[in-house]
């Protein structure tokens, strides 16, 4: 049997109608440029609740994470701890450049 002839572990899925889009309201939107990366922070709300969408754009390639509003305080605390640790630990010296 050729590998692409194996049945899918996800089962047979006939073509179906795409899910209708979920109505999302944007409550606040902010953008920040850090080096060659652009980060977009968007606070949104939909019927399931509020959430923060963080999108990283690097040269047209985008990655996104979504944090439910119920986790924002914990996320903020952890981020503050990371910033504090980063400020308190000296940076390692850069390796010498090869010529």
N, C-alpha and C. Protein backbone atom coordinates (compact mmCIF):
# COMPACT_ATOMS: atom_id res chain seq x y z
N UNK A 1 0.85 -1.17 0.00
CA UNK A 1 0.00 0.00 0.00
C UNK A 1 0.90 1.24 0.00
N UNK A 2 0.63 2.18 -0.85
CA UNK A 2 1.36 3.44 -0.90
C UNK A 2 0.86 4.32 0.24
N UNK A 3 1.78 5.07 0.85
CA UNK A 3 1.43 5.83 2.05
C UNK A 3 0.25 6.77 1.85
N UNK A 4 0.13 7.36 0.66
CA UNK A 4 -0.99 8.28 0.48
C UNK A 4 -2.31 7.56 0.20
N UNK A 5 -2.31 6.24 0.18
CA UNK A 5 -3.54 5.47 0.00
C UNK A 5 -4.13 5.02 1.32
N UNK A 6 -3.43 5.29 2.42
CA UNK A 6 -3.95 4.90 3.73
C UNK A 6 -5.17 5.73 4.08
N UNK A 7 -6.11 5.12 4.79
CA UNK A 7 -7.27 5.92 5.21
C UNK A 7 -6.85 6.97 6.23
N UNK A 8 -7.53 8.06 6.21
CA UNK A 8 -7.24 9.16 7.13
C UNK A 8 -7.60 8.74 8.55
N UNK A 9 -6.76 9.07 9.54
CA UNK A 9 -7.12 8.78 10.93
C UNK A 9 -8.30 9.63 11.39
N UNK A 10 -8.64 10.65 10.62
CA UNK A 10 -9.73 11.54 10.99
C UNK A 10 -11.06 11.10 10.38
N UNK A 11 -11.05 10.01 9.63
CA UNK A 11 -12.27 9.50 9.03
C UNK A 11 -12.64 10.23 7.75
N UNK A 12 -13.66 9.74 7.10
CA UNK A 12 -14.13 10.34 5.85
C UNK A 12 -14.94 11.58 6.15
N UNK A 13 -14.58 12.67 5.50
CA UNK A 13 -15.31 13.92 5.69
C UNK A 13 -15.75 14.44 4.33
N UNK A 14 -16.99 14.26 4.01
CA UNK A 14 -17.46 14.78 2.72
C UNK A 14 -17.42 16.30 2.73
N UNK A 15 -17.31 16.85 1.54
CA UNK A 15 -17.31 18.30 1.44
C UNK A 15 -18.60 18.84 2.00
N UNK A 16 -18.49 19.85 2.83
CA UNK A 16 -19.69 20.42 3.44
C UNK A 16 -19.61 21.93 3.35
N UNK A 17 -20.69 22.55 3.72
CA UNK A 17 -20.74 24.01 3.73
C UNK A 17 -19.77 24.55 4.76
N UNK A 18 -19.05 25.63 4.44
CA UNK A 18 -18.18 26.23 5.45
C UNK A 18 -19.01 26.81 6.59
N UNK A 19 -18.40 26.87 7.75
CA UNK A 19 -19.10 27.43 8.90
C UNK A 19 -19.36 28.91 8.66
N UNK A 20 -20.51 29.38 9.09
CA UNK A 20 -20.78 30.81 8.92
C UNK A 20 -19.83 31.62 9.81
N UNK A 21 -19.44 32.81 9.37
CA UNK A 21 -18.52 33.60 10.19
C UNK A 21 -19.19 34.01 11.50
N UNK A 22 -18.39 34.06 12.55
CA UNK A 22 -18.88 34.47 13.86
C UNK A 22 -18.76 35.99 13.95
N UNK A 23 -19.81 36.65 14.41
CA UNK A 23 -19.79 38.09 14.57
C UNK A 23 -18.83 38.45 15.70
N UNK A 24 -17.79 39.23 15.39
CA UNK A 24 -16.83 39.69 16.38
C UNK A 24 -16.80 41.21 16.37
N UNK A 25 -16.86 41.80 17.55
CA UNK A 25 -16.75 43.25 17.68
C UNK A 25 -15.36 43.60 18.20
N UNK A 26 -14.70 44.55 17.54
CA UNK A 26 -13.39 45.00 18.00
C UNK A 26 -13.60 46.09 19.04
N UNK A 27 -13.02 45.88 20.23
CA UNK A 27 -13.15 46.84 21.32
C UNK A 27 -11.96 47.79 21.37
N UNK A 28 -10.78 47.28 21.02
CA UNK A 28 -9.57 48.11 21.01
C UNK A 28 -8.54 47.42 20.13
N UNK A 29 -7.72 48.24 19.45
CA UNK A 29 -6.72 47.71 18.54
C UNK A 29 -5.46 48.56 18.67
N UNK A 30 -4.30 47.92 18.90
CA UNK A 30 -3.02 48.63 19.02
C UNK A 30 -1.97 47.85 18.25
N UNK A 31 -1.00 48.60 17.69
CA UNK A 31 0.07 48.00 16.91
C UNK A 31 1.40 48.50 17.46
N UNK A 32 2.41 47.61 17.49
CA UNK A 32 3.74 47.98 17.93
C UNK A 32 4.77 47.32 17.01
N UNK A 33 5.79 48.08 16.64
CA UNK A 33 6.88 47.57 15.80
C UNK A 33 8.08 47.33 16.70
N UNK A 34 8.61 46.10 16.71
CA UNK A 34 9.80 45.75 17.47
C UNK A 34 10.76 45.07 16.52
N UNK A 35 11.87 45.75 16.26
CA UNK A 35 12.84 45.31 15.27
C UNK A 35 12.13 45.08 13.95
N UNK A 36 12.20 43.89 13.38
CA UNK A 36 11.55 43.66 12.09
C UNK A 36 10.18 43.01 12.22
N UNK A 37 9.67 42.96 13.44
CA UNK A 37 8.37 42.33 13.68
C UNK A 37 7.33 43.38 14.03
N UNK A 38 6.13 43.15 13.55
CA UNK A 38 4.99 43.99 13.93
C UNK A 38 4.04 43.13 14.74
N UNK A 39 3.64 43.64 15.90
CA UNK A 39 2.69 42.95 16.74
C UNK A 39 1.40 43.76 16.78
N UNK A 40 0.28 43.08 16.55
CA UNK A 40 -1.02 43.72 16.60
C UNK A 40 -1.79 43.08 17.75
N UNK A 41 -2.23 43.92 18.69
CA UNK A 41 -3.03 43.48 19.83
C UNK A 41 -4.46 43.95 19.58
N UNK A 42 -5.39 43.01 19.52
CA UNK A 42 -6.79 43.34 19.25
C UNK A 42 -7.67 42.71 20.32
N UNK A 43 -8.34 43.57 21.08
CA UNK A 43 -9.31 43.09 22.07
C UNK A 43 -10.65 42.99 21.37
N UNK A 44 -11.22 41.78 21.38
CA UNK A 44 -12.46 41.52 20.65
C UNK A 44 -13.48 40.88 21.57
N UNK A 45 -14.71 40.85 21.06
CA UNK A 45 -15.80 40.20 21.78
C UNK A 45 -16.69 39.51 20.76
N UNK A 46 -17.11 38.30 21.10
CA UNK A 46 -18.07 37.58 20.27
C UNK A 46 -19.08 36.92 21.21
N UNK A 47 -20.05 36.18 20.69
CA UNK A 47 -21.05 35.58 21.58
C UNK A 47 -20.47 34.68 22.68
N UNK A 48 -19.26 34.15 22.47
CA UNK A 48 -18.65 33.28 23.48
C UNK A 48 -17.91 34.07 24.55
N UNK A 49 -17.65 35.36 24.33
CA UNK A 49 -16.97 36.17 25.33
C UNK A 49 -15.91 37.08 24.73
N UNK A 50 -15.12 37.70 25.61
CA UNK A 50 -14.03 38.58 25.18
C UNK A 50 -12.73 37.81 25.10
N UNK A 51 -11.83 38.32 24.23
CA UNK A 51 -10.53 37.69 24.08
C UNK A 51 -9.55 38.68 23.49
N UNK A 52 -8.28 38.41 23.72
CA UNK A 52 -7.21 39.21 23.14
C UNK A 52 -6.55 38.39 22.05
N UNK A 53 -6.48 38.95 20.86
CA UNK A 53 -5.80 38.30 19.74
C UNK A 53 -4.47 39.04 19.55
N UNK A 54 -3.36 38.30 19.61
CA UNK A 54 -2.04 38.87 19.38
C UNK A 54 -1.52 38.26 18.09
N UNK A 55 -1.27 39.13 17.11
CA UNK A 55 -0.78 38.68 15.81
C UNK A 55 0.61 39.22 15.58
N UNK A 56 1.52 38.33 15.22
CA UNK A 56 2.90 38.68 14.89
C UNK A 56 3.03 38.62 13.37
N UNK A 57 3.51 39.71 12.77
CA UNK A 57 3.71 39.75 11.32
C UNK A 57 5.18 39.99 11.05
N UNK A 58 5.80 39.05 10.36
CA UNK A 58 7.21 39.16 9.98
C UNK A 58 7.27 38.96 8.47
N UNK A 59 7.46 40.05 7.75
CA UNK A 59 7.58 39.95 6.30
C UNK A 59 6.40 39.29 5.63
N UNK A 60 5.20 39.53 6.11
CA UNK A 60 4.01 38.95 5.50
C UNK A 60 3.58 37.61 6.07
N UNK A 61 4.44 36.99 6.88
CA UNK A 61 4.08 35.72 7.52
C UNK A 61 3.46 36.04 8.87
N UNK A 62 2.28 35.53 9.12
CA UNK A 62 1.56 35.86 10.36
C UNK A 62 1.34 34.65 11.23
N UNK A 63 1.50 34.88 12.52
CA UNK A 63 1.17 33.89 13.54
C UNK A 63 0.29 34.59 14.57
N UNK A 64 -0.69 33.87 15.08
CA UNK A 64 -1.64 34.47 16.01
C UNK A 64 -1.87 33.57 17.21
N UNK A 65 -1.99 34.21 18.37
CA UNK A 65 -2.44 33.50 19.57
C UNK A 65 -3.66 34.24 20.09
N UNK A 66 -4.53 33.51 20.75
CA UNK A 66 -5.74 34.09 21.32
C UNK A 66 -5.78 33.76 22.79
N UNK A 67 -6.00 34.79 23.61
CA UNK A 67 -6.05 34.62 25.06
C UNK A 67 -7.45 35.01 25.53
N UNK A 68 -8.20 34.08 26.10
CA UNK A 68 -9.52 34.44 26.63
C UNK A 68 -9.38 35.49 27.73
N UNK A 69 -10.36 36.36 27.85
CA UNK A 69 -10.28 37.44 28.85
C UNK A 69 -10.12 36.91 30.27
N UNK A 70 -10.60 35.68 30.50
CA UNK A 70 -10.47 35.10 31.84
C UNK A 70 -9.01 34.82 32.20
N UNK A 71 -8.12 34.79 31.21
CA UNK A 71 -6.71 34.52 31.46
C UNK A 71 -5.81 35.73 31.35
N UNK A 72 -6.37 36.91 31.07
CA UNK A 72 -5.54 38.09 30.84
C UNK A 72 -4.74 38.51 32.07
N UNK A 73 -5.32 38.45 33.24
CA UNK A 73 -4.58 38.83 34.46
C UNK A 73 -3.40 37.90 34.69
N UNK A 74 -3.61 36.59 34.55
CA UNK A 74 -2.51 35.63 34.71
C UNK A 74 -1.45 35.84 33.64
N UNK A 75 -1.88 36.13 32.41
CA UNK A 75 -0.95 36.39 31.32
C UNK A 75 -0.11 37.63 31.64
N UNK A 76 -0.75 38.68 32.13
CA UNK A 76 -0.06 39.92 32.49
C UNK A 76 0.97 39.67 33.60
N UNK A 77 0.59 38.92 34.63
CA UNK A 77 1.51 38.63 35.72
C UNK A 77 2.74 37.86 35.22
N UNK A 78 2.50 36.87 34.39
CA UNK A 78 3.61 36.08 33.86
C UNK A 78 4.50 36.93 32.97
N UNK A 79 3.92 37.78 32.16
CA UNK A 79 4.71 38.67 31.30
C UNK A 79 5.54 39.64 32.13
N UNK A 80 4.96 40.19 33.19
CA UNK A 80 5.70 41.09 34.08
C UNK A 80 6.87 40.36 34.74
N UNK A 81 6.66 39.10 35.14
CA UNK A 81 7.75 38.31 35.72
C UNK A 81 8.87 38.09 34.70
N UNK A 82 8.51 37.82 33.46
CA UNK A 82 9.51 37.61 32.41
C UNK A 82 10.31 38.89 32.15
N UNK A 83 9.64 40.04 32.13
CA UNK A 83 10.33 41.32 31.93
C UNK A 83 11.28 41.58 33.09
N UNK A 84 10.82 41.36 34.31
CA UNK A 84 11.65 41.57 35.49
C UNK A 84 12.88 40.67 35.46
N UNK A 85 12.69 39.40 35.14
CA UNK A 85 13.80 38.46 35.05
C UNK A 85 14.77 38.86 33.96
N UNK A 86 14.25 39.26 32.81
CA UNK A 86 15.11 39.68 31.70
C UNK A 86 15.96 40.89 32.08
N UNK A 87 15.38 41.82 32.84
CA UNK A 87 16.11 43.01 33.27
C UNK A 87 17.15 42.71 34.34
N UNK A 88 16.94 41.65 35.13
CA UNK A 88 17.84 41.33 36.24
C UNK A 88 18.96 40.36 35.89
N UNK A 89 18.84 39.67 34.79
CA UNK A 89 19.87 38.70 34.39
C UNK A 89 20.72 39.35 33.31
N UNK A 90 22.04 39.45 33.53
CA UNK A 90 22.89 40.07 32.50
C UNK A 90 22.88 39.24 31.22
N UNK A 91 22.93 39.95 30.09
CA UNK A 91 22.96 39.26 28.81
C UNK A 91 24.31 38.60 28.61
N UNK A 92 24.28 37.43 27.97
CA UNK A 92 25.53 36.75 27.63
C UNK A 92 26.18 37.53 26.49
N UNK A 93 27.50 37.51 26.46
CA UNK A 93 28.18 38.22 25.39
C UNK A 93 27.92 37.52 24.08
N UNK A 94 27.90 38.31 23.01
CA UNK A 94 27.67 37.75 21.68
C UNK A 94 28.89 36.96 21.24
N UNK A 95 28.69 35.88 20.49
CA UNK A 95 29.84 35.11 20.00
C UNK A 95 30.62 35.98 19.02
N UNK A 96 31.92 35.79 18.95
CA UNK A 96 32.73 36.59 18.01
C UNK A 96 32.31 36.31 16.58
N UNK A 97 32.32 37.38 15.77
CA UNK A 97 31.95 37.22 14.37
C UNK A 97 33.07 36.53 13.61
N UNK A 98 32.69 35.66 12.68
CA UNK A 98 33.67 34.94 11.88
C UNK A 98 34.04 35.81 10.68
N UNK A 99 35.30 35.88 10.39
CA UNK A 99 35.74 36.66 9.22
C UNK A 99 36.35 35.76 8.19
